[in-house]
mmCIF file of all heavy atoms, coordinates in Angstrom:
data_MODEL
# 
_entry.id   MODEL 
# 
loop_
_atom_site.group_PDB 
_atom_site.id 
_atom_site.type_symbol 
_atom_site.label_atom_id 
_atom_site.label_alt_id 
_atom_site.label_comp_id 
_atom_site.label_asym_id 
_atom_site.label_entity_id 
_atom_site.label_seq_id 
_atom_site.pdbx_PDB_ins_code 
_atom_site.Cartn_x 
_atom_site.Cartn_y 
_atom_site.Cartn_z 
_atom_site.occupancy 
_atom_site.B_iso_or_equiv 
_atom_site.pdbx_formal_charge 
_atom_site.auth_seq_id 
_atom_site.auth_comp_id 
_atom_site.auth_asym_id 
_atom_site.auth_atom_id 
_atom_site.pdbx_PDB_model_num 
ATOM 1   N N   . SER A 1 1  ? 4.731  14.681 -16.978 1.00 0.00 ? 1  SER A N   1 
ATOM 2   C CA  . SER A 1 1  ? 6.065  15.192 -17.007 1.00 0.00 ? 1  SER A CA  1 
ATOM 3   C C   . SER A 1 1  ? 7.215  14.107 -16.550 1.00 0.00 ? 1  SER A C   1 
ATOM 4   O O   . SER A 1 1  ? 8.275  14.247 -16.807 1.00 0.00 ? 1  SER A O   1 
ATOM 5   C CB  . SER A 1 1  ? 6.261  16.397 -15.974 1.00 0.00 ? 1  SER A CB  1 
ATOM 6   O OG  . SER A 1 1  ? 5.855  16.033 -14.657 1.00 0.00 ? 1  SER A OG  1 
ATOM 7   N N   . VAL A 1 2  ? 6.664  13.037 -15.941 1.00 0.00 ? 2  VAL A N   1 
ATOM 8   C CA  . VAL A 1 2  ? 7.574  11.941 -15.469 1.00 0.00 ? 2  VAL A CA  1 
ATOM 9   C C   . VAL A 1 2  ? 7.394  10.652 -16.151 1.00 0.00 ? 2  VAL A C   1 
ATOM 10  O O   . VAL A 1 2  ? 8.158  9.675  -15.925 1.00 0.00 ? 2  VAL A O   1 
ATOM 11  C CB  . VAL A 1 2  ? 7.580  11.791 -13.912 1.00 0.00 ? 2  VAL A CB  1 
ATOM 12  C CG1 . VAL A 1 2  ? 7.753  13.129 -13.249 1.00 0.00 ? 2  VAL A CG1 1 
ATOM 13  C CG2 . VAL A 1 2  ? 6.233  11.116 -13.496 1.00 0.00 ? 2  VAL A CG2 1 
ATOM 14  N N   . LYS A 1 3  ? 6.354  10.550 -16.980 1.00 0.00 ? 3  LYS A N   1 
ATOM 15  C CA  . LYS A 1 3  ? 6.042  9.256  -17.687 1.00 0.00 ? 3  LYS A CA  1 
ATOM 16  C C   . LYS A 1 3  ? 7.267  8.798  -18.458 1.00 0.00 ? 3  LYS A C   1 
ATOM 17  O O   . LYS A 1 3  ? 7.858  9.611  -19.241 1.00 0.00 ? 3  LYS A O   1 
ATOM 18  C CB  . LYS A 1 3  ? 4.898  9.444  -18.573 1.00 0.00 ? 3  LYS A CB  1 
ATOM 19  C CG  . LYS A 1 3  ? 3.560  9.425  -17.814 1.00 0.00 ? 3  LYS A CG  1 
ATOM 20  C CD  . LYS A 1 3  ? 2.310  9.480  -18.732 1.00 0.00 ? 3  LYS A CD  1 
ATOM 21  C CE  . LYS A 1 3  ? 1.003  9.510  -18.060 1.00 0.00 ? 3  LYS A CE  1 
ATOM 22  N NZ  . LYS A 1 3  ? -0.144 9.649  -18.922 1.00 0.00 ? 3  LYS A NZ  1 
ATOM 23  N N   . GLY A 1 4  ? 7.623  7.577  -18.337 1.00 0.00 ? 4  GLY A N   1 
ATOM 24  C CA  . GLY A 1 4  ? 8.793  6.985  -19.052 1.00 0.00 ? 4  GLY A CA  1 
ATOM 25  C C   . GLY A 1 4  ? 10.067 7.165  -18.396 1.00 0.00 ? 4  GLY A C   1 
ATOM 26  O O   . GLY A 1 4  ? 11.050 6.532  -18.721 1.00 0.00 ? 4  GLY A O   1 
ATOM 27  N N   . ARG A 1 5  ? 10.075 7.960  -17.305 1.00 0.00 ? 5  ARG A N   1 
ATOM 28  C CA  . ARG A 1 5  ? 11.349 8.246  -16.574 1.00 0.00 ? 5  ARG A CA  1 
ATOM 29  C C   . ARG A 1 5  ? 11.254 7.743  -15.152 1.00 0.00 ? 5  ARG A C   1 
ATOM 30  O O   . ARG A 1 5  ? 12.306 7.256  -14.551 1.00 0.00 ? 5  ARG A O   1 
ATOM 31  C CB  . ARG A 1 5  ? 11.644 9.665  -16.564 1.00 0.00 ? 5  ARG A CB  1 
ATOM 32  C CG  . ARG A 1 5  ? 11.862 10.328 -17.938 1.00 0.00 ? 5  ARG A CG  1 
ATOM 33  C CD  . ARG A 1 5  ? 12.427 11.723 -17.973 1.00 0.00 ? 5  ARG A CD  1 
ATOM 34  N NE  . ARG A 1 5  ? 11.467 12.641 -17.178 1.00 0.00 ? 5  ARG A NE  1 
ATOM 35  C CZ  . ARG A 1 5  ? 11.825 13.253 -16.126 1.00 0.00 ? 5  ARG A CZ  1 
ATOM 36  N NH1 . ARG A 1 5  ? 12.990 13.168 -15.540 1.00 0.00 ? 5  ARG A NH1 1 
ATOM 37  N NH2 . ARG A 1 5  ? 10.868 14.104 -15.521 1.00 0.00 ? 5  ARG A NH2 1 
ATOM 38  N N   . PHE A 1 6  ? 10.083 7.793  -14.502 1.00 0.00 ? 6  PHE A N   1 
ATOM 39  C CA  . PHE A 1 6  ? 9.887  7.389  -13.080 1.00 0.00 ? 6  PHE A CA  1 
ATOM 40  C C   . PHE A 1 6  ? 9.118  6.201  -13.053 1.00 0.00 ? 6  PHE A C   1 
ATOM 41  O O   . PHE A 1 6  ? 8.225  5.956  -13.797 1.00 0.00 ? 6  PHE A O   1 
ATOM 42  C CB  . PHE A 1 6  ? 9.162  8.480  -12.319 1.00 0.00 ? 6  PHE A CB  1 
ATOM 43  C CG  . PHE A 1 6  ? 10.006 9.767  -12.129 1.00 0.00 ? 6  PHE A CG  1 
ATOM 44  C CD1 . PHE A 1 6  ? 11.112 9.890  -12.752 1.00 0.00 ? 6  PHE A CD1 1 
ATOM 45  C CD2 . PHE A 1 6  ? 9.495  10.687 -11.258 1.00 0.00 ? 6  PHE A CD2 1 
ATOM 46  C CE1 . PHE A 1 6  ? 11.938 11.187 -12.557 1.00 0.00 ? 6  PHE A CE1 1 
ATOM 47  C CE2 . PHE A 1 6  ? 10.232 11.894 -11.053 1.00 0.00 ? 6  PHE A CE2 1 
ATOM 48  C CZ  . PHE A 1 6  ? 11.399 12.068 -11.663 1.00 0.00 ? 6  PHE A CZ  1 
ATOM 49  N N   . THR A 1 7  ? 9.354  5.366  -12.026 1.00 0.00 ? 7  THR A N   1 
ATOM 50  C CA  . THR A 1 7  ? 8.613  4.127  -11.750 1.00 0.00 ? 7  THR A CA  1 
ATOM 51  C C   . THR A 1 7  ? 8.233  4.017  -10.262 1.00 0.00 ? 7  THR A C   1 
ATOM 52  O O   . THR A 1 7  ? 9.155  4.048  -9.374  1.00 0.00 ? 7  THR A O   1 
ATOM 53  C CB  . THR A 1 7  ? 9.328  2.897  -12.199 1.00 0.00 ? 7  THR A CB  1 
ATOM 54  O OG1 . THR A 1 7  ? 9.657  2.884  -13.572 1.00 0.00 ? 7  THR A OG1 1 
ATOM 55  C CG2 . THR A 1 7  ? 8.415  1.638  -11.964 1.00 0.00 ? 7  THR A CG2 1 
ATOM 56  N N   . ILE A 1 8  ? 6.942  3.894  -10.032 1.00 0.00 ? 8  ILE A N   1 
ATOM 57  C CA  . ILE A 1 8  ? 6.500  3.685  -8.550  1.00 0.00 ? 8  ILE A CA  1 
ATOM 58  C C   . ILE A 1 8  ? 6.220  2.251  -8.346  1.00 0.00 ? 8  ILE A C   1 
ATOM 59  O O   . ILE A 1 8  ? 5.628  1.544  -9.225  1.00 0.00 ? 8  ILE A O   1 
ATOM 60  C CB  . ILE A 1 8  ? 5.295  4.547  -8.236  1.00 0.00 ? 8  ILE A CB  1 
ATOM 61  C CG1 . ILE A 1 8  ? 4.926  4.481  -6.732  1.00 0.00 ? 8  ILE A CG1 1 
ATOM 62  C CG2 . ILE A 1 8  ? 4.057  4.159  -9.180  1.00 0.00 ? 8  ILE A CG2 1 
ATOM 63  C CD1 . ILE A 1 8  ? 3.835  5.487  -6.329  1.00 0.00 ? 8  ILE A CD1 1 
ATOM 64  N N   . SER A 1 9  ? 6.599  1.694  -7.260  1.00 0.00 ? 9  SER A N   1 
ATOM 65  C CA  . SER A 1 9  ? 6.382  0.232  -6.849  1.00 0.00 ? 9  SER A CA  1 
ATOM 66  C C   . SER A 1 9  ? 6.205  0.202  -5.356  1.00 0.00 ? 9  SER A C   1 
ATOM 67  O O   . SER A 1 9  ? 6.441  1.183  -4.646  1.00 0.00 ? 9  SER A O   1 
ATOM 68  C CB  . SER A 1 9  ? 7.576  -0.548 -7.389  1.00 0.00 ? 9  SER A CB  1 
ATOM 69  O OG  . SER A 1 9  ? 8.707  -0.147 -6.703  1.00 0.00 ? 9  SER A OG  1 
ATOM 70  N N   . ARG A 1 10 ? 5.683  -0.905 -4.947  1.00 0.00 ? 10 ARG A N   1 
ATOM 71  C CA  . ARG A 1 10 ? 5.567  -1.145 -3.494  1.00 0.00 ? 10 ARG A CA  1 
ATOM 72  C C   . ARG A 1 10 ? 5.918  -2.579 -3.112  1.00 0.00 ? 10 ARG A C   1 
ATOM 73  O O   . ARG A 1 10 ? 5.831  -3.488 -3.917  1.00 0.00 ? 10 ARG A O   1 
ATOM 74  C CB  . ARG A 1 10 ? 4.143  -0.878 -3.102  1.00 0.00 ? 10 ARG A CB  1 
ATOM 75  C CG  . ARG A 1 10 ? 3.035  -1.782 -3.684  1.00 0.00 ? 10 ARG A CG  1 
ATOM 76  C CD  . ARG A 1 10 ? 1.606  -1.239 -3.520  1.00 0.00 ? 10 ARG A CD  1 
ATOM 77  N NE  . ARG A 1 10 ? 1.306  -1.172 -2.094  1.00 0.00 ? 10 ARG A NE  1 
ATOM 78  C CZ  . ARG A 1 10 ? 0.338  -0.296 -1.597  1.00 0.00 ? 10 ARG A CZ  1 
ATOM 79  N NH1 . ARG A 1 10 ? -0.294 0.472  -2.414  1.00 0.00 ? 10 ARG A NH1 1 
ATOM 80  N NH2 . ARG A 1 10 ? 0.141  -0.335 -0.302  1.00 0.00 ? 10 ARG A NH2 1 
ATOM 81  N N   . ASP A 1 11 ? 6.420  -2.707 -1.836  1.00 0.00 ? 11 ASP A N   1 
ATOM 82  C CA  . ASP A 1 11 ? 6.612  -4.000 -1.249  1.00 0.00 ? 11 ASP A CA  1 
ATOM 83  C C   . ASP A 1 11 ? 5.931  -4.080 0.036   1.00 0.00 ? 11 ASP A C   1 
ATOM 84  O O   . ASP A 1 11 ? 6.397  -3.529 1.036   1.00 0.00 ? 11 ASP A O   1 
ATOM 85  C CB  . ASP A 1 11 ? 8.177  -4.167 -1.076  1.00 0.00 ? 11 ASP A CB  1 
ATOM 86  C CG  . ASP A 1 11 ? 8.495  -5.569 -0.562  1.00 0.00 ? 11 ASP A CG  1 
ATOM 87  O OD1 . ASP A 1 11 ? 7.654  -6.251 -0.060  1.00 0.00 ? 11 ASP A OD1 1 
ATOM 88  O OD2 . ASP A 1 11 ? 9.679  -5.932 -0.764  1.00 0.00 ? 11 ASP A OD2 1 
ATOM 89  N N   . ASN A 1 12 ? 4.671  -4.665 -0.078  1.00 0.00 ? 12 ASN A N   1 
ATOM 90  C CA  . ASN A 1 12 ? 3.879  -4.673 1.225   1.00 0.00 ? 12 ASN A CA  1 
ATOM 91  C C   . ASN A 1 12 ? 4.534  -5.468 2.359   1.00 0.00 ? 12 ASN A C   1 
ATOM 92  O O   . ASN A 1 12 ? 4.253  -5.107 3.534   1.00 0.00 ? 12 ASN A O   1 
ATOM 93  C CB  . ASN A 1 12 ? 2.510  -5.307 0.866   1.00 0.00 ? 12 ASN A CB  1 
ATOM 94  C CG  . ASN A 1 12 ? 1.697  -4.421 0.023   1.00 0.00 ? 12 ASN A CG  1 
ATOM 95  O OD1 . ASN A 1 12 ? 1.902  -3.240 -0.044  1.00 0.00 ? 12 ASN A OD1 1 
ATOM 96  N ND2 . ASN A 1 12 ? 0.806  -5.034 -0.830  1.00 0.00 ? 12 ASN A ND2 1 
ATOM 97  N N   . ALA A 1 13 ? 5.282  -6.468 2.095   1.00 0.00 ? 13 ALA A N   1 
ATOM 98  C CA  . ALA A 1 13 ? 5.938  -7.224 3.143   1.00 0.00 ? 13 ALA A CA  1 
ATOM 99  C C   . ALA A 1 13 ? 6.976  -6.343 3.884   1.00 0.00 ? 13 ALA A C   1 
ATOM 100 O O   . ALA A 1 13 ? 7.225  -6.673 5.161   1.00 0.00 ? 13 ALA A O   1 
ATOM 101 C CB  . ALA A 1 13 ? 6.667  -8.499 2.579   1.00 0.00 ? 13 ALA A CB  1 
ATOM 102 N N   . LYS A 1 14 ? 7.581  -5.332 3.276   1.00 0.00 ? 14 LYS A N   1 
ATOM 103 C CA  . LYS A 1 14 ? 8.414  -4.440 3.885   1.00 0.00 ? 14 LYS A CA  1 
ATOM 104 C C   . LYS A 1 14 ? 7.829  -3.078 4.296   1.00 0.00 ? 14 LYS A C   1 
ATOM 105 O O   . LYS A 1 14 ? 8.433  -2.126 4.787   1.00 0.00 ? 14 LYS A O   1 
ATOM 106 C CB  . LYS A 1 14 ? 9.584  -4.170 2.940   1.00 0.00 ? 14 LYS A CB  1 
ATOM 107 C CG  . LYS A 1 14 ? 10.379 -5.403 2.732   1.00 0.00 ? 14 LYS A CG  1 
ATOM 108 C CD  . LYS A 1 14 ? 11.644 -5.106 1.841   1.00 0.00 ? 14 LYS A CD  1 
ATOM 109 C CE  . LYS A 1 14 ? 12.450 -6.315 1.625   1.00 0.00 ? 14 LYS A CE  1 
ATOM 110 N NZ  . LYS A 1 14 ? 13.682 -6.004 0.729   1.00 0.00 ? 14 LYS A NZ  1 
ATOM 111 N N   . ASN A 1 15 ? 6.487  -2.955 4.055   1.00 0.00 ? 15 ASN A N   1 
ATOM 112 C CA  . ASN A 1 15 ? 5.738  -1.738 4.353   1.00 0.00 ? 15 ASN A CA  1 
ATOM 113 C C   . ASN A 1 15 ? 6.465  -0.513 3.681   1.00 0.00 ? 15 ASN A C   1 
ATOM 114 O O   . ASN A 1 15 ? 6.663  0.514  4.317   1.00 0.00 ? 15 ASN A O   1 
ATOM 115 C CB  . ASN A 1 15 ? 5.646  -1.485 5.897   1.00 0.00 ? 15 ASN A CB  1 
ATOM 116 C CG  . ASN A 1 15 ? 4.516  -2.275 6.465   1.00 0.00 ? 15 ASN A CG  1 
ATOM 117 O OD1 . ASN A 1 15 ? 3.970  -3.242 5.963   1.00 0.00 ? 15 ASN A OD1 1 
ATOM 118 N ND2 . ASN A 1 15 ? 3.999  -1.673 7.634   1.00 0.00 ? 15 ASN A ND2 1 
ATOM 119 N N   . THR A 1 16 ? 6.855  -0.677 2.445   1.00 0.00 ? 16 THR A N   1 
ATOM 120 C CA  . THR A 1 16 ? 7.621  0.359  1.719   1.00 0.00 ? 16 THR A CA  1 
ATOM 121 C C   . THR A 1 16 ? 7.119  0.581  0.373   1.00 0.00 ? 16 THR A C   1 
ATOM 122 O O   . THR A 1 16 ? 6.707  -0.354 -0.370  1.00 0.00 ? 16 THR A O   1 
ATOM 123 C CB  . THR A 1 16 ? 9.107  -0.098 1.636   1.00 0.00 ? 16 THR A CB  1 
ATOM 124 O OG1 . THR A 1 16 ? 9.592  -0.350 2.990   1.00 0.00 ? 16 THR A OG1 1 
ATOM 125 C CG2 . THR A 1 16 ? 9.992  1.004  1.004   1.00 0.00 ? 16 THR A CG2 1 
ATOM 126 N N   . VAL A 1 17 ? 7.094  1.855  -0.071  1.00 0.00 ? 17 VAL A N   1 
ATOM 127 C CA  . VAL A 1 17 ? 6.851  2.269  -1.418  1.00 0.00 ? 17 VAL A CA  1 
ATOM 128 C C   . VAL A 1 17 ? 8.054  2.972  -1.923  1.00 0.00 ? 17 VAL A C   1 
ATOM 129 O O   . VAL A 1 17 ? 8.810  3.553  -1.209  1.00 0.00 ? 17 VAL A O   1 
ATOM 130 C CB  . VAL A 1 17 ? 5.588  3.199  -1.498  1.00 0.00 ? 17 VAL A CB  1 
ATOM 131 C CG1 . VAL A 1 17 ? 5.897  4.522  -0.806  1.00 0.00 ? 17 VAL A CG1 1 
ATOM 132 C CG2 . VAL A 1 17 ? 5.230  3.470  -2.996  1.00 0.00 ? 17 VAL A CG2 1 
ATOM 133 N N   . TYR A 1 18 ? 8.389  2.748  -3.262  1.00 0.00 ? 18 TYR A N   1 
ATOM 134 C CA  . TYR A 1 18 ? 9.545  3.241  -3.879  1.00 0.00 ? 18 TYR A CA  1 
ATOM 135 C C   . TYR A 1 18 ? 9.220  4.103  -5.088  1.00 0.00 ? 18 TYR A C   1 
ATOM 136 O O   . TYR A 1 18 ? 8.146  4.009  -5.706  1.00 0.00 ? 18 TYR A O   1 
ATOM 137 C CB  . TYR A 1 18 ? 10.425 2.130  -4.390  1.00 0.00 ? 18 TYR A CB  1 
ATOM 138 C CG  . TYR A 1 18 ? 10.847 1.076  -3.322  1.00 0.00 ? 18 TYR A CG  1 
ATOM 139 C CD1 . TYR A 1 18 ? 10.010 -0.061 -3.185  1.00 0.00 ? 18 TYR A CD1 1 
ATOM 140 C CD2 . TYR A 1 18 ? 11.880 1.206  -2.575  1.00 0.00 ? 18 TYR A CD2 1 
ATOM 141 C CE1 . TYR A 1 18 ? 10.369 -1.027 -2.270  1.00 0.00 ? 18 TYR A CE1 1 
ATOM 142 C CE2 . TYR A 1 18 ? 12.211 0.390  -1.518  1.00 0.00 ? 18 TYR A CE2 1 
ATOM 143 C CZ  . TYR A 1 18 ? 11.464 -0.854 -1.470  1.00 0.00 ? 18 TYR A CZ  1 
ATOM 144 O OH  . TYR A 1 18 ? 11.853 -1.757 -0.534  1.00 0.00 ? 18 TYR A OH  1 
ATOM 145 N N   . LEU A 1 19 ? 10.149 5.126  -5.324  1.00 0.00 ? 19 LEU A N   1 
ATOM 146 C CA  . LEU A 1 19 ? 10.054 5.865  -6.537  1.00 0.00 ? 19 LEU A CA  1 
ATOM 147 C C   . LEU A 1 19 ? 11.395 5.830  -7.188  1.00 0.00 ? 19 LEU A C   1 
ATOM 148 O O   . LEU A 1 19 ? 12.408 6.468  -6.695  1.00 0.00 ? 19 LEU A O   1 
ATOM 149 C CB  . LEU A 1 19 ? 9.609  7.319  -6.294  1.00 0.00 ? 19 LEU A CB  1 
ATOM 150 C CG  . LEU A 1 19 ? 9.494  8.218  -7.512  1.00 0.00 ? 19 LEU A CG  1 
ATOM 151 C CD1 . LEU A 1 19 ? 8.152  7.737  -8.348  1.00 0.00 ? 19 LEU A CD1 1 
ATOM 152 C CD2 . LEU A 1 19 ? 9.256  9.702  -7.203  1.00 0.00 ? 19 LEU A CD2 1 
ATOM 153 N N   . GLN A 1 20 ? 11.509 5.062  -8.302  1.00 0.00 ? 20 GLN A N   1 
ATOM 154 C CA  . GLN A 1 20 ? 12.810 5.020  -9.037  1.00 0.00 ? 20 GLN A CA  1 
ATOM 155 C C   . GLN A 1 20 ? 12.746 6.152  -10.129 1.00 0.00 ? 20 GLN A C   1 
ATOM 156 O O   . GLN A 1 20 ? 11.929 6.226  -10.971 1.00 0.00 ? 20 GLN A O   1 
ATOM 157 C CB  . GLN A 1 20 ? 12.949 3.681  -9.849  1.00 0.00 ? 20 GLN A CB  1 
ATOM 158 C CG  . GLN A 1 20 ? 14.179 3.574  -10.619 1.00 0.00 ? 20 GLN A CG  1 
ATOM 159 C CD  . GLN A 1 20 ? 15.413 3.576  -9.844  1.00 0.00 ? 20 GLN A CD  1 
ATOM 160 O OE1 . GLN A 1 20 ? 15.566 2.894  -8.846  1.00 0.00 ? 20 GLN A OE1 1 
ATOM 161 N NE2 . GLN A 1 20 ? 16.412 4.424  -10.209 1.00 0.00 ? 20 GLN A NE2 1 
ATOM 162 N N   . MET A 1 21 ? 13.705 7.040  -10.072 1.00 0.00 ? 21 MET A N   1 
ATOM 163 C CA  . MET A 1 21 ? 13.786 8.192  -10.907 1.00 0.00 ? 21 MET A CA  1 
ATOM 164 C C   . MET A 1 21 ? 15.004 8.077  -11.789 1.00 0.00 ? 21 MET A C   1 
ATOM 165 O O   . MET A 1 21 ? 16.080 7.977  -11.337 1.00 0.00 ? 21 MET A O   1 
ATOM 166 C CB  . MET A 1 21 ? 13.839 9.477  -10.129 1.00 0.00 ? 21 MET A CB  1 
ATOM 167 C CG  . MET A 1 21 ? 12.614 9.635  -9.131  1.00 0.00 ? 21 MET A CG  1 
ATOM 168 S SD  . MET A 1 21 ? 12.697 11.216 -8.236  1.00 0.00 ? 21 MET A SD  1 
ATOM 169 C CE  . MET A 1 21 ? 14.149 10.988 -7.281  1.00 0.00 ? 21 MET A CE  1 
ATOM 170 N N   . SER A 1 22 ? 14.821 8.143  -13.037 1.00 0.00 ? 22 SER A N   1 
ATOM 171 C CA  . SER A 1 22 ? 15.819 8.122  -14.070 1.00 0.00 ? 22 SER A CA  1 
ATOM 172 C C   . SER A 1 22 ? 15.830 9.269  -15.007 1.00 0.00 ? 22 SER A C   1 
ATOM 173 O O   . SER A 1 22 ? 14.805 9.982  -15.128 1.00 0.00 ? 22 SER A O   1 
ATOM 174 C CB  . SER A 1 22 ? 15.855 6.752  -14.808 1.00 0.00 ? 22 SER A CB  1 
ATOM 175 O OG  . SER A 1 22 ? 15.858 5.665  -14.009 1.00 0.00 ? 22 SER A OG  1 
ATOM 176 N N   . SER A 1 23 ? 16.882 9.498  -15.721 1.00 0.00 ? 23 SER A N   1 
ATOM 177 C CA  . SER A 1 23 ? 17.014 10.596 -16.680 1.00 0.00 ? 23 SER A CA  1 
ATOM 178 C C   . SER A 1 23 ? 16.504 11.893 -16.064 1.00 0.00 ? 23 SER A C   1 
ATOM 179 O O   . SER A 1 23 ? 15.788 12.660 -16.645 1.00 0.00 ? 23 SER A O   1 
ATOM 180 C CB  . SER A 1 23 ? 16.133 10.339 -17.972 1.00 0.00 ? 23 SER A CB  1 
ATOM 181 O OG  . SER A 1 23 ? 16.582 9.152  -18.599 1.00 0.00 ? 23 SER A OG  1 
ATOM 182 N N   . LEU A 1 24 ? 17.025 12.161 -14.895 1.00 0.00 ? 24 LEU A N   1 
ATOM 183 C CA  . LEU A 1 24 ? 16.587 13.317 -14.082 1.00 0.00 ? 24 LEU A CA  1 
ATOM 184 C C   . LEU A 1 24 ? 16.937 14.695 -14.800 1.00 0.00 ? 24 LEU A C   1 
ATOM 185 O O   . LEU A 1 24 ? 18.055 14.797 -15.388 1.00 0.00 ? 24 LEU A O   1 
ATOM 186 C CB  . LEU A 1 24 ? 17.224 13.336 -12.743 1.00 0.00 ? 24 LEU A CB  1 
ATOM 187 C CG  . LEU A 1 24 ? 16.425 12.232 -11.735 1.00 0.00 ? 24 LEU A CG  1 
ATOM 188 C CD1 . LEU A 1 24 ? 17.369 11.957 -10.568 1.00 0.00 ? 24 LEU A CD1 1 
ATOM 189 C CD2 . LEU A 1 24 ? 15.149 12.881 -11.326 1.00 0.00 ? 24 LEU A CD2 1 
ATOM 190 N N   . LYS A 1 25 ? 16.078 15.625 -14.611 1.00 0.00 ? 25 LYS A N   1 
ATOM 191 C CA  . LYS A 1 25 ? 16.212 16.952 -15.217 1.00 0.00 ? 25 LYS A CA  1 
ATOM 192 C C   . LYS A 1 25 ? 16.175 18.012 -14.149 1.00 0.00 ? 25 LYS A C   1 
ATOM 193 O O   . LYS A 1 25 ? 15.705 17.800 -13.046 1.00 0.00 ? 25 LYS A O   1 
ATOM 194 C CB  . LYS A 1 25 ? 14.975 17.214 -16.220 1.00 0.00 ? 25 LYS A CB  1 
ATOM 195 C CG  . LYS A 1 25 ? 14.810 16.162 -17.224 1.00 0.00 ? 25 LYS A CG  1 
ATOM 196 C CD  . LYS A 1 25 ? 13.570 16.495 -18.074 1.00 0.00 ? 25 LYS A CD  1 
ATOM 197 C CE  . LYS A 1 25 ? 13.351 15.469 -19.153 1.00 0.00 ? 25 LYS A CE  1 
ATOM 198 N NZ  . LYS A 1 25 ? 12.137 15.703 -19.986 1.00 0.00 ? 25 LYS A NZ  1 
ATOM 199 N N   . PRO A 1 26 ? 16.818 19.185 -14.349 1.00 0.00 ? 26 PRO A N   1 
ATOM 200 C CA  . PRO A 1 26 ? 16.747 20.236 -13.379 1.00 0.00 ? 26 PRO A CA  1 
ATOM 201 C C   . PRO A 1 26 ? 15.356 20.538 -12.927 1.00 0.00 ? 26 PRO A C   1 
ATOM 202 O O   . PRO A 1 26 ? 15.079 20.895 -11.662 1.00 0.00 ? 26 PRO A O   1 
ATOM 203 C CB  . PRO A 1 26 ? 17.409 21.404 -14.133 1.00 0.00 ? 26 PRO A CB  1 
ATOM 204 C CG  . PRO A 1 26 ? 18.281 20.796 -15.125 1.00 0.00 ? 26 PRO A CG  1 
ATOM 205 C CD  . PRO A 1 26 ? 17.613 19.513 -15.568 1.00 0.00 ? 26 PRO A CD  1 
ATOM 206 N N   . GLU A 1 27 ? 14.389 20.485 -13.801 1.00 0.00 ? 27 GLU A N   1 
ATOM 207 C CA  . GLU A 1 27 ? 12.981 20.802 -13.361 1.00 0.00 ? 27 GLU A CA  1 
ATOM 208 C C   . GLU A 1 27 ? 12.386 19.784 -12.458 1.00 0.00 ? 27 GLU A C   1 
ATOM 209 O O   . GLU A 1 27 ? 11.256 19.932 -11.859 1.00 0.00 ? 27 GLU A O   1 
ATOM 210 C CB  . GLU A 1 27 ? 12.104 20.915 -14.673 1.00 0.00 ? 27 GLU A CB  1 
ATOM 211 C CG  . GLU A 1 27 ? 12.196 19.858 -15.655 1.00 0.00 ? 27 GLU A CG  1 
ATOM 212 C CD  . GLU A 1 27 ? 13.141 20.169 -16.793 1.00 0.00 ? 27 GLU A CD  1 
ATOM 213 O OE1 . GLU A 1 27 ? 14.285 20.765 -16.519 1.00 0.00 ? 27 GLU A OE1 1 
ATOM 214 O OE2 . GLU A 1 27 ? 12.752 19.905 -17.916 1.00 0.00 ? 27 GLU A OE2 1 
ATOM 215 N N   . ASP A 1 28 ? 13.113 18.635 -12.213 1.00 0.00 ? 28 ASP A N   1 
ATOM 216 C CA  . ASP A 1 28 ? 12.625 17.627 -11.234 1.00 0.00 ? 28 ASP A CA  1 
ATOM 217 C C   . ASP A 1 28 ? 12.965 18.093 -9.778  1.00 0.00 ? 28 ASP A C   1 
ATOM 218 O O   . ASP A 1 28 ? 12.585 17.520 -8.823  1.00 0.00 ? 28 ASP A O   1 
ATOM 219 C CB  . ASP A 1 28 ? 13.250 16.227 -11.494 1.00 0.00 ? 28 ASP A CB  1 
ATOM 220 C CG  . ASP A 1 28 ? 12.759 15.718 -12.841 1.00 0.00 ? 28 ASP A CG  1 
ATOM 221 O OD1 . ASP A 1 28 ? 11.546 15.771 -13.148 1.00 0.00 ? 28 ASP A OD1 1 
ATOM 222 O OD2 . ASP A 1 28 ? 13.594 15.120 -13.559 1.00 0.00 ? 28 ASP A OD2 1 
ATOM 223 N N   . THR A 1 29 ? 13.818 19.097 -9.678  1.00 0.00 ? 29 THR A N   1 
ATOM 224 C CA  . THR A 1 29 ? 14.217 19.625 -8.393  1.00 0.00 ? 29 THR A CA  1 
ATOM 225 C C   . THR A 1 29 ? 12.951 19.991 -7.619  1.00 0.00 ? 29 THR A C   1 
ATOM 226 O O   . THR A 1 29 ? 12.197 20.865 -7.940  1.00 0.00 ? 29 THR A O   1 
ATOM 227 C CB  . THR A 1 29 ? 15.168 20.749 -8.517  1.00 0.00 ? 29 THR A CB  1 
ATOM 228 O OG1 . THR A 1 29 ? 16.400 20.315 -9.191  1.00 0.00 ? 29 THR A OG1 1 
ATOM 229 C CG2 . THR A 1 29 ? 15.547 21.356 -7.156  1.00 0.00 ? 29 THR A CG2 1 
# 
């Protein structure tokens, strides 16, 4: 349901994981 719209990434030096969400839909709520 999120392929092509969301991107997960990580920065180990910052101890952080990210989720970039684009083209958001109401069903992503």
